[in-house]
């Protein structure tokens, strides 16, 4: 949620948003008066993006931010300046609804959380028709109990 007591601005996405992004001129009074600043953008996905501010232009990781957040023409961005060159960002679609983003742990496929192990298959493994299973894997999957039941 945006804190109304902090400086913030809303910016619609225009044609050239993938390369650079301009901070509104009137908002610049809230920033330090030097050029070539590094700023931190806190994403709705809890990921941080370090960008360079050159004059009014946000550069460097901006293109990656646009890709990671699937930004499209007419999406709307709301920047909240928290302090010390840190911006909290919210992303809205062209209808003004907040875009929902999966949290980083949601990107992990379900299979990634299942027990697994690596095995090196050698000619003797194939010849003897035998594979050694690590005891930790056998215990975590109750494999020994399942074998005894058969």
N, C-alpha and C. Protein backbone atom coordinates (compact mmCIF):
# COMPACT_ATOMS: atom_id res chain seq x y z
N UNK A 1 0.84 -1.18 0.00
CA UNK A 1 0.00 0.00 0.00
C UNK A 1 0.89 1.25 0.00
N UNK A 2 0.49 2.24 -0.70
CA UNK A 2 1.24 3.48 -0.79
C UNK A 2 0.96 4.35 0.43
N UNK A 3 2.01 4.89 1.02
CA UNK A 3 1.89 5.81 2.15
C UNK A 3 1.66 7.21 1.59
N UNK A 4 0.50 7.79 1.84
CA UNK A 4 0.14 9.10 1.28
C UNK A 4 1.01 10.23 1.81
N UNK A 5 1.70 10.02 2.93
CA UNK A 5 2.56 11.05 3.50
C UNK A 5 3.92 11.14 2.79
N UNK A 6 4.24 10.16 1.99
CA UNK A 6 5.52 10.16 1.27
C UNK A 6 5.32 10.66 -0.15
N UNK A 7 6.37 11.26 -0.72
CA UNK A 7 6.26 11.70 -2.12
C UNK A 7 6.05 10.51 -3.05
N UNK A 8 5.16 10.66 -3.99
CA UNK A 8 4.91 9.59 -4.95
C UNK A 8 4.41 10.19 -6.26
N UNK A 9 4.52 9.38 -7.32
CA UNK A 9 3.99 9.81 -8.61
C UNK A 9 3.49 8.61 -9.39
N UNK A 10 2.57 8.89 -10.30
CA UNK A 10 1.98 7.87 -11.16
C UNK A 10 2.44 8.15 -12.58
N UNK A 11 2.81 7.09 -13.29
CA UNK A 11 3.32 7.28 -14.65
C UNK A 11 2.76 6.17 -15.55
N UNK A 12 2.03 6.55 -16.61
CA UNK A 12 1.58 5.54 -17.57
C UNK A 12 2.74 5.11 -18.47
N UNK A 13 2.69 3.89 -18.93
CA UNK A 13 3.72 3.36 -19.83
C UNK A 13 3.47 3.90 -21.24
N UNK A 14 4.53 4.47 -21.84
CA UNK A 14 4.40 4.97 -23.21
C UNK A 14 5.20 4.08 -24.18
N UNK A 15 5.36 4.52 -25.40
CA UNK A 15 5.97 3.70 -26.45
C UNK A 15 7.41 3.27 -26.18
N UNK A 16 8.19 4.08 -25.49
CA UNK A 16 9.62 3.80 -25.35
C UNK A 16 10.00 3.35 -23.94
N UNK A 17 9.07 2.74 -23.23
CA UNK A 17 9.31 2.42 -21.83
C UNK A 17 10.37 1.36 -21.60
N UNK A 18 10.65 0.52 -22.58
CA UNK A 18 11.59 -0.57 -22.38
C UNK A 18 13.03 -0.14 -22.23
N UNK A 19 13.38 1.02 -22.76
CA UNK A 19 14.77 1.48 -22.73
C UNK A 19 15.05 2.45 -21.60
N UNK A 20 14.18 3.39 -21.42
CA UNK A 20 14.38 4.39 -20.37
C UNK A 20 13.02 4.86 -19.87
N UNK A 21 13.06 5.53 -18.77
CA UNK A 21 11.84 5.99 -18.14
C UNK A 21 12.13 7.35 -17.51
N UNK A 22 11.30 8.34 -17.77
CA UNK A 22 11.54 9.69 -17.25
C UNK A 22 10.76 9.94 -15.97
N UNK A 23 11.45 10.43 -14.97
CA UNK A 23 10.81 10.86 -13.73
C UNK A 23 10.18 12.23 -13.99
N UNK A 24 8.95 12.47 -13.53
CA UNK A 24 8.33 13.79 -13.75
C UNK A 24 9.21 14.92 -13.20
N UNK A 25 9.27 15.99 -13.95
CA UNK A 25 10.12 17.12 -13.61
C UNK A 25 9.82 17.66 -12.21
N UNK A 26 8.56 17.84 -11.87
CA UNK A 26 8.19 18.40 -10.56
C UNK A 26 8.59 17.47 -9.41
N UNK A 27 8.70 16.17 -9.69
CA UNK A 27 9.07 15.22 -8.64
C UNK A 27 10.56 15.31 -8.30
N UNK A 28 11.36 15.79 -9.22
CA UNK A 28 12.81 15.83 -9.04
C UNK A 28 13.23 16.62 -7.81
N UNK A 29 12.39 17.52 -7.33
CA UNK A 29 12.75 18.31 -6.14
C UNK A 29 12.90 17.44 -4.89
N UNK A 30 12.34 16.22 -4.92
CA UNK A 30 12.44 15.32 -3.77
C UNK A 30 13.76 14.55 -3.75
N UNK A 31 14.50 14.59 -4.84
CA UNK A 31 15.75 13.82 -4.95
C UNK A 31 16.96 14.71 -4.72
N UNK A 32 18.09 14.07 -4.44
CA UNK A 32 19.33 14.83 -4.28
C UNK A 32 19.63 15.57 -5.57
N UNK A 33 20.19 16.76 -5.49
CA UNK A 33 20.38 17.60 -6.69
C UNK A 33 21.59 17.25 -7.55
N UNK A 34 22.08 16.03 -7.53
CA UNK A 34 23.23 15.67 -8.35
C UNK A 34 22.80 14.74 -9.47
N UNK A 35 23.60 14.66 -10.50
CA UNK A 35 23.34 13.73 -11.60
C UNK A 35 24.01 12.39 -11.30
N UNK A 36 23.71 11.41 -12.11
CA UNK A 36 24.34 10.09 -12.03
C UNK A 36 24.14 9.44 -10.67
N UNK A 37 22.91 9.29 -10.27
CA UNK A 37 22.56 8.68 -9.00
C UNK A 37 22.21 7.21 -9.18
N UNK A 38 22.48 6.42 -8.17
CA UNK A 38 22.01 5.04 -8.15
C UNK A 38 20.80 4.99 -7.23
N UNK A 39 19.75 4.35 -7.69
CA UNK A 39 18.53 4.23 -6.89
C UNK A 39 18.14 2.77 -6.80
N UNK A 40 17.37 2.46 -5.79
CA UNK A 40 16.86 1.10 -5.58
C UNK A 40 15.36 1.12 -5.80
N UNK A 41 14.88 0.21 -6.64
CA UNK A 41 13.44 0.05 -6.84
C UNK A 41 13.03 -1.26 -6.20
N UNK A 42 12.12 -1.17 -5.25
CA UNK A 42 11.58 -2.37 -4.59
C UNK A 42 10.34 -2.80 -5.35
N UNK A 43 10.43 -3.97 -5.93
CA UNK A 43 9.39 -4.49 -6.80
C UNK A 43 8.26 -5.12 -6.00
N UNK A 44 7.06 -5.21 -6.59
CA UNK A 44 5.97 -5.94 -5.94
C UNK A 44 6.28 -7.43 -5.78
N UNK A 45 7.29 -7.92 -6.49
CA UNK A 45 7.68 -9.33 -6.38
C UNK A 45 8.70 -9.53 -5.27
N UNK A 46 8.98 -8.49 -4.50
CA UNK A 46 9.98 -8.49 -3.42
C UNK A 46 11.41 -8.54 -3.95
N UNK A 47 11.58 -8.35 -5.23
CA UNK A 47 12.93 -8.30 -5.81
C UNK A 47 13.37 -6.85 -5.86
N UNK A 48 14.67 -6.62 -5.68
CA UNK A 48 15.22 -5.27 -5.74
C UNK A 48 15.95 -5.05 -7.05
N UNK A 49 15.81 -3.87 -7.61
CA UNK A 49 16.47 -3.49 -8.86
C UNK A 49 17.26 -2.22 -8.61
N UNK A 50 18.56 -2.29 -8.84
CA UNK A 50 19.39 -1.09 -8.77
C UNK A 50 19.41 -0.46 -10.15
N UNK A 51 19.02 0.80 -10.22
CA UNK A 51 18.97 1.52 -11.49
C UNK A 51 19.81 2.79 -11.37
N UNK A 52 20.13 3.35 -12.50
CA UNK A 52 20.87 4.60 -12.54
C UNK A 52 19.91 5.71 -12.94
N UNK A 53 20.00 6.82 -12.25
CA UNK A 53 19.20 7.99 -12.61
C UNK A 53 20.16 9.02 -13.18
N UNK A 54 19.98 9.31 -14.45
CA UNK A 54 20.81 10.29 -15.15
C UNK A 54 19.90 11.45 -15.53
N UNK A 55 20.02 12.55 -14.79
CA UNK A 55 19.07 13.64 -14.99
C UNK A 55 17.71 13.18 -14.51
N UNK A 56 16.77 13.02 -15.44
CA UNK A 56 15.43 12.50 -15.11
C UNK A 56 15.24 11.07 -15.57
N UNK A 57 16.21 10.52 -16.30
CA UNK A 57 16.07 9.19 -16.89
C UNK A 57 16.45 8.08 -15.92
N UNK A 58 15.59 7.07 -15.82
CA UNK A 58 15.92 5.85 -15.09
C UNK A 58 16.49 4.89 -16.13
N UNK A 59 17.71 4.42 -15.89
CA UNK A 59 18.40 3.57 -16.87
C UNK A 59 18.95 2.31 -16.22
N UNK A 60 19.77 1.62 -16.98
CA UNK A 60 20.46 0.38 -16.62
C UNK A 60 19.47 -0.77 -16.46
N UNK A 61 19.14 -1.16 -15.25
CA UNK A 61 18.28 -2.33 -15.04
C UNK A 61 16.82 -2.08 -15.37
N UNK A 62 16.50 -0.91 -15.88
CA UNK A 62 15.10 -0.61 -16.18
C UNK A 62 14.52 -1.57 -17.21
N UNK A 63 15.28 -1.89 -18.25
CA UNK A 63 14.78 -2.80 -19.29
C UNK A 63 14.49 -4.17 -18.69
N UNK A 64 15.35 -4.65 -17.80
CA UNK A 64 15.12 -5.94 -17.15
C UNK A 64 13.89 -5.89 -16.27
N UNK A 65 13.71 -4.78 -15.56
CA UNK A 65 12.52 -4.61 -14.74
C UNK A 65 11.26 -4.72 -15.60
N UNK A 66 11.27 -4.05 -16.75
CA UNK A 66 10.11 -4.07 -17.65
C UNK A 66 9.79 -5.48 -18.11
N UNK A 67 10.81 -6.26 -18.43
CA UNK A 67 10.61 -7.65 -18.87
C UNK A 67 10.10 -8.50 -17.71
N UNK A 68 10.74 -8.39 -16.55
CA UNK A 68 10.37 -9.21 -15.39
C UNK A 68 8.94 -8.95 -14.92
N UNK A 69 8.42 -7.76 -15.18
CA UNK A 69 7.07 -7.41 -14.72
C UNK A 69 6.05 -7.38 -15.86
N UNK A 70 6.46 -7.88 -17.01
CA UNK A 70 5.57 -8.01 -18.16
C UNK A 70 4.82 -6.69 -18.42
N UNK A 71 5.59 -5.60 -18.45
CA UNK A 71 4.97 -4.29 -18.66
C UNK A 71 4.52 -4.13 -20.10
N UNK A 72 3.35 -3.54 -20.26
CA UNK A 72 2.78 -3.31 -21.58
C UNK A 72 2.38 -1.85 -21.73
N UNK A 73 2.19 -1.46 -22.96
CA UNK A 73 1.72 -0.12 -23.26
C UNK A 73 0.43 0.14 -22.49
N UNK A 74 0.33 1.28 -21.84
CA UNK A 74 -0.82 1.74 -21.07
C UNK A 74 -0.90 1.14 -19.66
N UNK A 75 0.05 0.26 -19.27
CA UNK A 75 0.12 -0.10 -17.86
C UNK A 75 0.48 1.17 -17.09
N UNK A 76 0.25 1.16 -15.80
CA UNK A 76 0.48 2.34 -14.97
C UNK A 76 1.41 1.95 -13.82
N UNK A 77 2.39 2.79 -13.57
CA UNK A 77 3.32 2.56 -12.46
C UNK A 77 3.13 3.63 -11.41
N UNK A 78 3.13 3.22 -10.15
CA UNK A 78 3.07 4.17 -9.05
C UNK A 78 4.36 4.02 -8.24
N UNK A 79 5.14 5.09 -8.21
CA UNK A 79 6.39 5.12 -7.47
C UNK A 79 6.18 5.85 -6.16
N UNK A 80 6.59 5.24 -5.07
CA UNK A 80 6.59 5.90 -3.76
C UNK A 80 8.05 6.08 -3.36
N UNK A 81 8.45 7.30 -3.10
CA UNK A 81 9.82 7.58 -2.68
C UNK A 81 9.89 7.43 -1.18
N UNK A 82 10.55 6.36 -0.71
CA UNK A 82 10.58 6.10 0.72
C UNK A 82 11.66 6.92 1.42
N UNK A 83 12.77 7.19 0.75
CA UNK A 83 13.86 8.01 1.26
C UNK A 83 15.18 7.44 0.77
N UNK A 84 16.20 8.27 0.76
CA UNK A 84 17.56 7.83 0.46
C UNK A 84 17.67 7.05 -0.84
N UNK A 85 17.02 7.53 -1.88
CA UNK A 85 17.06 6.94 -3.23
C UNK A 85 16.46 5.53 -3.29
N UNK A 86 15.43 5.29 -2.50
CA UNK A 86 14.71 4.02 -2.52
C UNK A 86 13.26 4.30 -2.93
N UNK A 87 12.81 3.56 -3.95
CA UNK A 87 11.44 3.69 -4.43
C UNK A 87 10.70 2.37 -4.23
N UNK A 88 9.50 2.45 -3.73
CA UNK A 88 8.60 1.29 -3.68
C UNK A 88 7.69 1.43 -4.89
N UNK A 89 7.45 0.34 -5.59
CA UNK A 89 6.71 0.43 -6.85
C UNK A 89 5.49 -0.47 -6.85
N UNK A 90 4.39 0.04 -7.38
CA UNK A 90 3.20 -0.77 -7.63
C UNK A 90 2.92 -0.69 -9.12
N UNK A 91 2.42 -1.80 -9.68
CA UNK A 91 2.15 -1.89 -11.11
C UNK A 91 0.66 -2.16 -11.31
N UNK A 92 0.04 -1.38 -12.20
CA UNK A 92 -1.38 -1.52 -12.50
C UNK A 92 -1.54 -1.79 -13.99
N UNK A 93 -2.56 -2.56 -14.35
CA UNK A 93 -2.81 -2.79 -15.77
C UNK A 93 -3.54 -1.59 -16.36
N UNK A 94 -3.84 -1.65 -17.65
CA UNK A 94 -4.46 -0.50 -18.33
C UNK A 94 -5.86 -0.18 -17.81
N UNK A 95 -6.48 -1.10 -17.08
CA UNK A 95 -7.79 -0.84 -16.47
C UNK A 95 -7.67 -0.25 -15.07
N UNK A 96 -6.44 -0.08 -14.59
CA UNK A 96 -6.22 0.49 -13.27
C UNK A 96 -6.23 -0.52 -12.15
N UNK A 97 -6.24 -1.81 -12.48
CA UNK A 97 -6.22 -2.85 -11.45
C UNK A 97 -4.79 -3.25 -11.15
N UNK A 98 -4.48 -3.45 -9.87
CA UNK A 98 -3.13 -3.85 -9.48
C UNK A 98 -2.80 -5.19 -10.12
N UNK A 99 -1.63 -5.26 -10.76
CA UNK A 99 -1.19 -6.53 -11.33
C UNK A 99 -0.75 -7.44 -10.19
N UNK A 100 -1.07 -8.71 -10.33
CA UNK A 100 -0.65 -9.68 -9.33
C UNK A 100 0.58 -10.39 -9.85
N UNK A 101 1.56 -10.56 -8.97
CA UNK A 101 2.79 -11.23 -9.33
C UNK A 101 3.00 -12.40 -8.40
N UNK A 102 3.52 -13.47 -8.97
CA UNK A 102 3.84 -14.62 -8.14
C UNK A 102 5.09 -14.31 -7.33
N UNK A 103 5.08 -14.75 -6.09
CA UNK A 103 6.27 -14.57 -5.27
C UNK A 103 7.34 -15.54 -5.76
N UNK A 104 8.62 -15.24 -5.51
CA UNK A 104 9.70 -16.07 -6.05
C UNK A 104 9.57 -17.55 -5.76
N UNK A 105 9.11 -17.95 -4.55
CA UNK A 105 9.00 -19.37 -4.24
C UNK A 105 7.86 -20.04 -5.01
N UNK A 106 6.91 -19.25 -5.53
CA UNK A 106 5.84 -19.82 -6.33
C UNK A 106 6.31 -20.21 -7.72
N UNK A 107 7.47 -19.67 -8.14
CA UNK A 107 8.00 -19.99 -9.46
C UNK A 107 8.66 -21.37 -9.49
N UNK A 108 8.89 -21.96 -8.32
CA UNK A 108 9.54 -23.26 -8.26
C UNK A 108 8.51 -24.33 -8.58
N UNK A 109 8.77 -25.16 -9.59
CA UNK A 109 7.80 -26.21 -9.91
C UNK A 109 7.61 -27.16 -8.73
N UNK A 110 6.43 -27.74 -8.65
CA UNK A 110 6.12 -28.64 -7.55
C UNK A 110 7.13 -29.78 -7.46
N UNK A 111 7.61 -30.27 -8.61
CA UNK A 111 8.56 -31.37 -8.62
C UNK A 111 9.86 -31.01 -7.91
N UNK A 112 10.21 -29.72 -7.89
CA UNK A 112 11.47 -29.29 -7.29
C UNK A 112 11.48 -29.53 -5.78
N UNK A 113 10.31 -29.60 -5.16
CA UNK A 113 10.23 -29.81 -3.73
C UNK A 113 10.20 -31.29 -3.35
N UNK A 114 10.16 -32.18 -4.32
CA UNK A 114 10.13 -33.61 -4.04
C UNK A 114 11.54 -34.13 -3.81
N UNK A 115 11.68 -35.18 -2.97
CA UNK A 115 13.02 -35.75 -2.73
C UNK A 115 13.62 -36.27 -4.03
N UNK A 116 14.94 -36.12 -4.14
CA UNK A 116 15.63 -36.61 -5.33
C UNK A 116 17.09 -36.86 -4.98
N UNK A 117 17.78 -37.56 -5.87
CA UNK A 117 19.21 -37.76 -5.71
C UNK A 117 19.83 -37.92 -7.09
N UNK A 118 21.15 -37.73 -7.15
CA UNK A 118 21.89 -37.92 -8.39
C UNK A 118 22.61 -39.25 -8.31
N UNK A 119 22.66 -39.93 -9.44
CA UNK A 119 23.38 -41.20 -9.51
C UNK A 119 24.25 -41.19 -10.76
N UNK A 120 25.44 -41.75 -10.64
CA UNK A 120 26.32 -41.89 -11.79
C UNK A 120 26.14 -43.31 -12.32
N UNK A 121 25.72 -43.39 -13.55
CA UNK A 121 25.49 -44.69 -14.18
C UNK A 121 26.78 -45.10 -14.89
N UNK A 122 27.32 -46.23 -14.47
CA UNK A 122 28.55 -46.75 -15.07
C UNK A 122 28.23 -48.05 -15.79
N UNK A 123 29.16 -48.57 -16.59
CA UNK A 123 28.92 -49.87 -17.24
C UNK A 123 28.60 -50.97 -16.24
N UNK A 124 29.27 -50.95 -15.06
CA UNK A 124 28.99 -52.00 -14.07
C UNK A 124 27.58 -51.85 -13.48
N UNK A 125 27.08 -50.62 -13.37
CA UNK A 125 25.71 -50.40 -12.89
C UNK A 125 24.73 -51.09 -13.83
N UNK A 126 24.95 -50.94 -15.11
CA UNK A 126 24.07 -51.56 -16.10
C UNK A 126 24.27 -53.07 -16.15
N UNK A 127 25.53 -53.50 -16.11
CA UNK A 127 25.83 -54.94 -16.20
C UNK A 127 25.23 -55.69 -15.00
N UNK A 128 25.41 -55.13 -13.80
CA UNK A 128 24.94 -55.81 -12.59
C UNK A 128 23.47 -55.53 -12.29
N UNK A 129 22.86 -54.66 -13.10
CA UNK A 129 21.46 -54.29 -12.89
C UNK A 129 21.23 -53.84 -11.44
N UNK A 130 22.11 -52.92 -11.01
CA UNK A 130 22.10 -52.52 -9.61
C UNK A 130 22.38 -51.02 -9.50
N UNK A 131 21.61 -50.35 -8.65
CA UNK A 131 21.80 -48.93 -8.40
C UNK A 131 21.76 -48.70 -6.89
N UNK A 132 22.79 -48.06 -6.37
CA UNK A 132 22.83 -47.76 -4.94
C UNK A 132 22.04 -46.48 -4.68
N UNK A 133 21.11 -46.57 -3.74
CA UNK A 133 20.26 -45.43 -3.40
C UNK A 133 20.75 -44.85 -2.07
N UNK A 134 20.99 -43.56 -2.01
CA UNK A 134 21.44 -42.95 -0.75
C UNK A 134 20.44 -43.19 0.37
N UNK A 135 20.97 -43.47 1.56
CA UNK A 135 20.12 -43.78 2.71
C UNK A 135 19.19 -42.61 3.06
N UNK A 136 19.68 -41.38 2.92
CA UNK A 136 18.84 -40.21 3.23
C UNK A 136 17.63 -40.15 2.31
N UNK A 137 17.82 -40.48 1.03
CA UNK A 137 16.71 -40.50 0.09
C UNK A 137 15.73 -41.62 0.46
N UNK A 138 16.26 -42.80 0.76
CA UNK A 138 15.41 -43.94 1.11
C UNK A 138 14.57 -43.62 2.35
N UNK A 139 15.18 -42.97 3.33
CA UNK A 139 14.43 -42.62 4.54
C UNK A 139 13.38 -41.54 4.27
N UNK A 140 13.75 -40.53 3.49
CA UNK A 140 12.81 -39.42 3.25
C UNK A 140 11.60 -39.85 2.44
N UNK A 141 11.72 -40.94 1.68
CA UNK A 141 10.61 -41.41 0.86
C UNK A 141 9.97 -42.68 1.40
N UNK A 142 10.44 -43.15 2.56
CA UNK A 142 9.97 -44.41 3.15
C UNK A 142 10.14 -45.57 2.18
N UNK A 143 11.17 -45.52 1.38
CA UNK A 143 11.41 -46.54 0.37
C UNK A 143 11.65 -47.92 0.99
N UNK A 144 12.41 -47.97 2.08
CA UNK A 144 12.69 -49.26 2.73
C UNK A 144 11.39 -49.92 3.18
N UNK A 145 10.47 -49.15 3.76
CA UNK A 145 9.19 -49.71 4.20
C UNK A 145 8.38 -50.22 3.02
N UNK A 146 8.41 -49.49 1.92
CA UNK A 146 7.65 -49.90 0.73
C UNK A 146 8.21 -51.19 0.14
N UNK A 147 9.53 -51.35 0.17
CA UNK A 147 10.15 -52.57 -0.36
C UNK A 147 9.79 -53.76 0.52
N UNK A 148 9.80 -53.57 1.84
CA UNK A 148 9.46 -54.67 2.76
C UNK A 148 8.02 -55.13 2.58
N UNK A 149 7.14 -54.21 2.18
CA UNK A 149 5.73 -54.56 2.02
C UNK A 149 5.50 -55.45 0.80
N UNK A 150 6.42 -55.44 -0.15
CA UNK A 150 6.24 -56.25 -1.37
C UNK A 150 6.77 -57.60 -1.18
